[in-house]
């Protein structure tokens, strides 16, 4: 079964983007985050959508 979310580190590995760009995309709403306690997780669905439409 494929995970629904990944960590920021996982997002970096999947996209090749750095922390600064990932946090910019989270702040702008282009990536969707889920907070679990103190952990920030990014939805796989939003990563796929970002890749399909291209990084901005």
N, C-alpha and C. Protein backbone atom coordinates (compact mmCIF):
# COMPACT_ATOMS: atom_id res chain seq x y z
N UNK A 1 0.84 -1.18 0.00
CA UNK A 1 0.00 0.00 0.00
C UNK A 1 0.88 1.24 0.00
N UNK A 2 0.56 2.17 -0.86
CA UNK A 2 1.32 3.41 -0.99
C UNK A 2 0.94 4.39 0.11
N UNK A 3 1.92 5.10 0.68
CA UNK A 3 1.59 6.08 1.74
C UNK A 3 0.79 7.25 1.18
N UNK A 4 -0.03 7.86 2.02
CA UNK A 4 -0.81 9.03 1.63
C UNK A 4 -0.06 10.33 1.85
N UNK A 5 0.92 10.29 2.75
CA UNK A 5 1.71 11.47 3.07
C UNK A 5 3.18 11.10 3.19
N UNK A 6 4.03 12.11 3.06
CA UNK A 6 5.47 11.94 3.28
C UNK A 6 5.98 13.12 4.09
N UNK A 7 7.12 12.93 4.70
CA UNK A 7 7.76 14.01 5.46
C UNK A 7 8.33 15.06 4.51
N UNK A 8 8.83 16.14 5.07
CA UNK A 8 9.51 17.16 4.26
C UNK A 8 10.71 16.52 3.56
N UNK A 9 11.45 15.69 4.28
CA UNK A 9 12.60 14.98 3.69
C UNK A 9 12.14 14.12 2.51
N UNK A 10 11.04 13.41 2.68
CA UNK A 10 10.50 12.59 1.60
C UNK A 10 10.07 13.44 0.41
N UNK A 11 9.51 14.60 0.70
CA UNK A 11 9.10 15.52 -0.37
C UNK A 11 10.33 15.99 -1.14
N UNK A 12 11.41 16.29 -0.43
CA UNK A 12 12.67 16.69 -1.09
C UNK A 12 13.16 15.59 -2.01
N UNK A 13 13.12 14.36 -1.54
CA UNK A 13 13.60 13.23 -2.33
C UNK A 13 12.73 12.99 -3.56
N UNK A 14 11.43 13.12 -3.41
CA UNK A 14 10.51 12.88 -4.53
C UNK A 14 10.56 13.97 -5.59
N UNK A 15 10.76 15.22 -5.17
CA UNK A 15 10.68 16.34 -6.09
C UNK A 15 12.03 16.89 -6.52
N UNK A 16 13.06 16.67 -5.71
CA UNK A 16 14.36 17.26 -6.00
C UNK A 16 14.45 18.72 -5.60
N UNK A 17 13.43 19.22 -4.90
CA UNK A 17 13.42 20.61 -4.45
C UNK A 17 14.06 20.73 -3.08
N UNK A 18 14.50 21.94 -2.75
CA UNK A 18 15.08 22.20 -1.44
C UNK A 18 14.02 22.62 -0.44
N UNK A 19 14.43 22.71 0.82
CA UNK A 19 13.51 23.09 1.89
C UNK A 19 12.84 24.43 1.64
N UNK A 20 13.61 25.43 1.22
CA UNK A 20 13.05 26.77 1.02
C UNK A 20 11.91 26.74 0.02
N UNK A 21 12.11 26.10 -1.12
CA UNK A 21 11.07 26.04 -2.15
C UNK A 21 9.87 25.23 -1.67
N UNK A 22 10.11 24.14 -0.96
CA UNK A 22 9.00 23.34 -0.44
C UNK A 22 8.16 24.17 0.52
N UNK A 23 8.80 24.90 1.42
CA UNK A 23 8.03 25.72 2.36
C UNK A 23 7.32 26.87 1.66
N UNK A 24 7.89 27.41 0.59
CA UNK A 24 7.20 28.43 -0.21
C UNK A 24 5.94 27.83 -0.84
N UNK A 25 6.06 26.63 -1.38
CA UNK A 25 4.91 25.97 -2.00
C UNK A 25 3.84 25.60 -0.97
N UNK A 26 4.25 25.23 0.23
CA UNK A 26 3.29 24.97 1.30
C UNK A 26 2.57 26.26 1.69
N UNK A 27 3.32 27.35 1.82
CA UNK A 27 2.73 28.64 2.23
C UNK A 27 1.76 29.16 1.18
N UNK A 28 2.06 28.92 -0.10
CA UNK A 28 1.20 29.41 -1.17
C UNK A 28 0.01 28.50 -1.43
N UNK A 29 0.01 27.32 -0.82
CA UNK A 29 -1.10 26.39 -1.01
C UNK A 29 -0.92 25.43 -2.17
N UNK A 30 0.22 25.49 -2.87
CA UNK A 30 0.46 24.57 -3.98
C UNK A 30 0.75 23.16 -3.50
N UNK A 31 1.26 23.04 -2.29
CA UNK A 31 1.40 21.74 -1.64
C UNK A 31 0.53 21.76 -0.39
N UNK A 32 -0.10 20.64 -0.10
CA UNK A 32 -0.98 20.54 1.06
C UNK A 32 -0.27 19.82 2.19
N UNK A 33 -0.39 20.39 3.39
CA UNK A 33 0.27 19.79 4.55
C UNK A 33 -0.75 19.25 5.53
N UNK A 34 -0.31 18.27 6.30
CA UNK A 34 -1.09 17.71 7.39
C UNK A 34 -0.18 17.74 8.61
N UNK A 35 -0.65 18.33 9.69
CA UNK A 35 0.13 18.37 10.92
C UNK A 35 -0.30 17.21 11.80
N UNK A 36 0.66 16.42 12.24
CA UNK A 36 0.43 15.33 13.18
C UNK A 36 1.36 15.60 14.36
N UNK A 37 0.78 16.16 15.41
CA UNK A 37 1.62 16.62 16.51
C UNK A 37 2.53 17.72 16.01
N UNK A 38 3.82 17.55 16.17
CA UNK A 38 4.79 18.54 15.69
C UNK A 38 5.30 18.24 14.29
N UNK A 39 4.91 17.09 13.75
CA UNK A 39 5.38 16.69 12.42
C UNK A 39 4.56 17.33 11.32
N UNK A 40 5.23 17.75 10.28
CA UNK A 40 4.58 18.26 9.09
C UNK A 40 4.70 17.20 8.00
N UNK A 41 3.56 16.77 7.50
CA UNK A 41 3.54 15.78 6.42
C UNK A 41 2.90 16.42 5.19
N UNK A 42 3.37 16.04 4.02
CA UNK A 42 2.87 16.58 2.76
C UNK A 42 2.10 15.48 2.05
N UNK A 43 0.93 15.82 1.51
CA UNK A 43 0.12 14.79 0.85
C UNK A 43 0.74 14.40 -0.50
N UNK A 44 0.73 13.11 -0.76
CA UNK A 44 1.22 12.59 -2.04
C UNK A 44 0.39 13.17 -3.18
N UNK A 45 -0.91 13.31 -2.97
CA UNK A 45 -1.80 13.85 -3.99
C UNK A 45 -1.36 15.24 -4.42
N UNK A 46 -0.99 16.10 -3.46
CA UNK A 46 -0.58 17.45 -3.82
C UNK A 46 0.79 17.45 -4.51
N UNK A 47 1.66 16.50 -4.16
CA UNK A 47 2.95 16.39 -4.84
C UNK A 47 2.74 15.97 -6.29
N UNK A 48 1.86 15.00 -6.51
CA UNK A 48 1.56 14.57 -7.88
C UNK A 48 0.97 15.71 -8.70
N UNK A 49 0.04 16.45 -8.11
CA UNK A 49 -0.58 17.58 -8.81
C UNK A 49 0.47 18.62 -9.18
N UNK A 50 1.39 18.89 -8.27
CA UNK A 50 2.45 19.86 -8.53
C UNK A 50 3.33 19.40 -9.69
N UNK A 51 3.68 18.14 -9.71
CA UNK A 51 4.53 17.61 -10.78
C UNK A 51 3.79 17.65 -12.12
N UNK A 52 2.50 17.31 -12.12
CA UNK A 52 1.72 17.30 -13.36
C UNK A 52 1.58 18.68 -13.97
N UNK A 53 1.41 19.71 -13.14
CA UNK A 53 1.24 21.06 -13.69
C UNK A 53 2.56 21.81 -13.82
N UNK A 54 3.61 21.26 -13.26
CA UNK A 54 4.94 21.88 -13.33
C UNK A 54 5.19 22.75 -12.12
N UNK A 55 6.45 22.83 -11.74
CA UNK A 55 6.83 23.65 -10.59
C UNK A 55 6.74 25.11 -10.97
N UNK A 56 6.38 25.95 -9.99
CA UNK A 56 6.35 27.39 -10.27
C UNK A 56 7.06 28.15 -9.18
